[in-house]
């Protein structure tokens, strides 16, 4: 059985709310992901393949993902 934390890491990205300023609309239209606003963060949830592509997209826009 897979480790839940490892599975979660491959299906979501958590960033500060300001990180998506100016690119959120493009992010949601380019990728099959769901974006949830939380109090202190924004959670981007999708398939492992989409999350990998989103991670690359964010990196190209200067947003580092831990």
N, C-alpha and C. Protein backbone atom coordinates (compact mmCIF):
# COMPACT_ATOMS: atom_id res chain seq x y z
N UNK A 1 0.85 -1.18 0.00
CA UNK A 1 0.00 0.00 0.00
C UNK A 1 0.90 1.24 0.00
N UNK A 2 0.59 2.23 -0.84
CA UNK A 2 1.44 3.43 -0.91
C UNK A 2 1.34 4.28 0.36
N UNK A 3 2.41 4.98 0.63
CA UNK A 3 2.46 5.90 1.76
C UNK A 3 1.56 7.10 1.46
N UNK A 4 0.58 7.41 2.32
CA UNK A 4 -0.35 8.52 2.04
C UNK A 4 0.33 9.86 1.83
N UNK A 5 1.38 10.17 2.59
CA UNK A 5 2.04 11.47 2.42
C UNK A 5 2.73 11.57 1.07
N UNK A 6 3.27 10.47 0.60
CA UNK A 6 3.92 10.47 -0.71
C UNK A 6 2.89 10.66 -1.82
N UNK A 7 1.75 9.99 -1.68
CA UNK A 7 0.68 10.14 -2.67
C UNK A 7 0.17 11.58 -2.67
N UNK A 8 -0.01 12.15 -1.49
CA UNK A 8 -0.49 13.54 -1.38
C UNK A 8 0.49 14.49 -2.05
N UNK A 9 1.79 14.28 -1.84
CA UNK A 9 2.80 15.15 -2.45
C UNK A 9 2.77 15.08 -3.97
N UNK A 10 2.34 13.97 -4.52
CA UNK A 10 2.32 13.84 -5.98
C UNK A 10 1.01 14.33 -6.59
N UNK A 11 0.05 14.69 -5.74
CA UNK A 11 -1.25 15.12 -6.28
C UNK A 11 -1.65 16.53 -5.85
N UNK A 12 -0.77 17.24 -5.15
CA UNK A 12 -1.11 18.60 -4.75
C UNK A 12 0.13 19.46 -4.56
N UNK A 13 -0.07 20.75 -4.70
CA UNK A 13 0.95 21.77 -4.46
C UNK A 13 0.30 22.81 -3.57
N UNK A 14 1.02 23.26 -2.56
CA UNK A 14 0.52 24.30 -1.67
C UNK A 14 1.45 25.50 -1.78
N UNK A 15 0.87 26.65 -2.09
CA UNK A 15 1.65 27.89 -2.24
C UNK A 15 0.96 29.02 -1.48
N UNK A 16 1.69 30.09 -1.18
CA UNK A 16 1.05 31.26 -0.57
C UNK A 16 0.07 31.89 -1.57
N UNK A 17 -0.98 32.52 -1.08
CA UNK A 17 -1.99 33.11 -1.99
C UNK A 17 -1.41 34.08 -3.01
N UNK A 18 -0.46 34.89 -2.62
CA UNK A 18 0.10 35.88 -3.54
C UNK A 18 0.92 35.25 -4.66
N UNK A 19 1.32 33.99 -4.52
CA UNK A 19 2.15 33.34 -5.53
C UNK A 19 1.44 33.22 -6.87
N UNK A 20 0.11 33.15 -6.85
CA UNK A 20 -0.63 32.96 -8.10
C UNK A 20 -1.17 34.25 -8.68
N UNK A 21 -0.81 35.39 -8.08
CA UNK A 21 -1.27 36.68 -8.60
C UNK A 21 -0.85 36.83 -10.06
N UNK A 22 -1.82 37.07 -10.91
CA UNK A 22 -1.55 37.30 -12.32
C UNK A 22 -1.45 36.05 -13.18
N UNK A 23 -1.38 34.87 -12.57
CA UNK A 23 -1.27 33.64 -13.37
C UNK A 23 -2.34 32.61 -13.04
N UNK A 24 -3.16 32.88 -12.05
CA UNK A 24 -4.15 31.88 -11.63
C UNK A 24 -5.10 31.51 -12.76
N UNK A 25 -5.62 32.47 -13.47
CA UNK A 25 -6.54 32.19 -14.57
C UNK A 25 -5.90 31.33 -15.64
N UNK A 26 -4.67 31.65 -16.00
CA UNK A 26 -3.94 30.87 -17.00
C UNK A 26 -3.69 29.46 -16.48
N UNK A 27 -3.33 29.35 -15.22
CA UNK A 27 -3.08 28.05 -14.60
C UNK A 27 -4.33 27.16 -14.67
N UNK A 28 -5.47 27.73 -14.30
CA UNK A 28 -6.71 26.96 -14.30
C UNK A 28 -7.19 26.62 -15.71
N UNK A 29 -6.89 27.44 -16.68
CA UNK A 29 -7.32 27.14 -18.05
C UNK A 29 -6.36 26.19 -18.77
N UNK A 30 -5.10 26.19 -18.41
CA UNK A 30 -4.11 25.33 -19.09
C UNK A 30 -4.05 23.92 -18.53
N UNK A 31 -4.37 23.76 -17.25
CA UNK A 31 -4.20 22.47 -16.59
C UNK A 31 -5.50 21.98 -15.97
N UNK A 32 -5.67 20.67 -15.93
CA UNK A 32 -6.86 20.06 -15.32
C UNK A 32 -6.61 19.92 -13.82
N UNK A 33 -6.71 21.04 -13.12
CA UNK A 33 -6.49 21.07 -11.68
C UNK A 33 -7.64 21.82 -11.00
N UNK A 34 -7.75 21.60 -9.70
CA UNK A 34 -8.68 22.33 -8.87
C UNK A 34 -7.86 23.20 -7.93
N UNK A 35 -8.25 24.47 -7.81
CA UNK A 35 -7.52 25.41 -6.95
C UNK A 35 -8.43 25.80 -5.80
N UNK A 36 -7.98 25.49 -4.57
CA UNK A 36 -8.73 25.80 -3.37
C UNK A 36 -8.05 26.92 -2.61
N UNK A 37 -8.81 27.96 -2.32
CA UNK A 37 -8.29 29.03 -1.47
C UNK A 37 -8.49 28.63 -0.02
N UNK A 38 -7.41 28.70 0.74
CA UNK A 38 -7.47 28.45 2.17
C UNK A 38 -7.02 29.73 2.87
N UNK A 39 -7.08 29.77 4.16
CA UNK A 39 -6.73 31.00 4.88
C UNK A 39 -5.32 31.48 4.59
N UNK A 40 -4.37 30.63 4.77
CA UNK A 40 -2.96 31.02 4.64
C UNK A 40 -2.30 30.51 3.38
N UNK A 41 -3.03 29.77 2.55
CA UNK A 41 -2.41 29.17 1.38
C UNK A 41 -3.43 28.89 0.30
N UNK A 42 -2.90 28.48 -0.85
CA UNK A 42 -3.72 28.02 -1.97
C UNK A 42 -3.26 26.60 -2.27
N UNK A 43 -4.21 25.70 -2.38
CA UNK A 43 -3.91 24.30 -2.64
C UNK A 43 -4.32 23.97 -4.07
N UNK A 44 -3.37 23.48 -4.86
CA UNK A 44 -3.61 23.09 -6.25
C UNK A 44 -3.63 21.56 -6.27
N UNK A 45 -4.75 20.98 -6.68
CA UNK A 45 -4.92 19.53 -6.64
C UNK A 45 -5.18 19.01 -8.05
N UNK A 46 -4.50 17.92 -8.40
CA UNK A 46 -4.69 17.30 -9.70
C UNK A 46 -4.00 15.95 -9.76
N UNK A 47 -4.02 15.35 -10.92
CA UNK A 47 -3.36 14.06 -11.11
C UNK A 47 -1.85 14.26 -10.99
N UNK A 48 -1.11 13.18 -10.69
CA UNK A 48 0.36 13.31 -10.60
C UNK A 48 0.99 13.91 -11.86
N UNK A 49 0.47 13.58 -13.01
CA UNK A 49 1.03 14.12 -14.26
C UNK A 49 0.76 15.62 -14.36
N UNK A 50 -0.47 16.03 -14.06
CA UNK A 50 -0.81 17.46 -14.09
C UNK A 50 0.00 18.23 -13.06
N UNK A 51 0.15 17.68 -11.87
CA UNK A 51 0.90 18.38 -10.81
C UNK A 51 2.36 18.55 -11.23
N UNK A 52 2.92 17.56 -11.87
CA UNK A 52 4.30 17.68 -12.36
C UNK A 52 4.41 18.82 -13.38
N UNK A 53 3.45 18.90 -14.29
CA UNK A 53 3.44 19.96 -15.29
C UNK A 53 3.20 21.33 -14.67
N UNK A 54 2.31 21.39 -13.68
CA UNK A 54 2.05 22.64 -12.97
C UNK A 54 3.31 23.09 -12.23
N UNK A 55 4.02 22.15 -11.62
CA UNK A 55 5.25 22.47 -10.92
C UNK A 55 6.26 23.11 -11.88
N UNK A 56 6.39 22.55 -13.07
CA UNK A 56 7.28 23.11 -14.08
C UNK A 56 6.82 24.51 -14.50
N UNK A 57 5.52 24.66 -14.71
CA UNK A 57 4.95 25.95 -15.08
C UNK A 57 5.23 27.00 -14.01
N UNK A 58 5.00 26.64 -12.75
CA UNK A 58 5.26 27.58 -11.66
C UNK A 58 6.73 27.95 -11.59
N UNK A 59 7.61 26.99 -11.76
CA UNK A 59 9.05 27.25 -11.74
C UNK A 59 9.44 28.23 -12.84
N UNK A 60 8.84 28.11 -14.02
CA UNK A 60 9.12 29.04 -15.12
C UNK A 60 8.66 30.46 -14.79
N UNK A 61 7.71 30.58 -13.88
CA UNK A 61 7.22 31.89 -13.46
C UNK A 61 7.86 32.35 -12.15
N UNK A 62 8.94 31.68 -11.75
CA UNK A 62 9.70 32.09 -10.57
C UNK A 62 9.09 31.73 -9.24
N UNK A 63 8.18 30.76 -9.25
CA UNK A 63 7.54 30.33 -8.00
C UNK A 63 8.14 28.99 -7.59
N UNK A 64 8.85 29.00 -6.46
CA UNK A 64 9.45 27.74 -6.01
C UNK A 64 8.44 26.98 -5.16
N UNK A 65 8.42 25.70 -5.37
CA UNK A 65 7.50 24.82 -4.65
C UNK A 65 8.35 23.92 -3.76
N UNK A 66 8.05 23.96 -2.45
CA UNK A 66 8.87 23.12 -1.53
C UNK A 66 8.69 21.65 -1.76
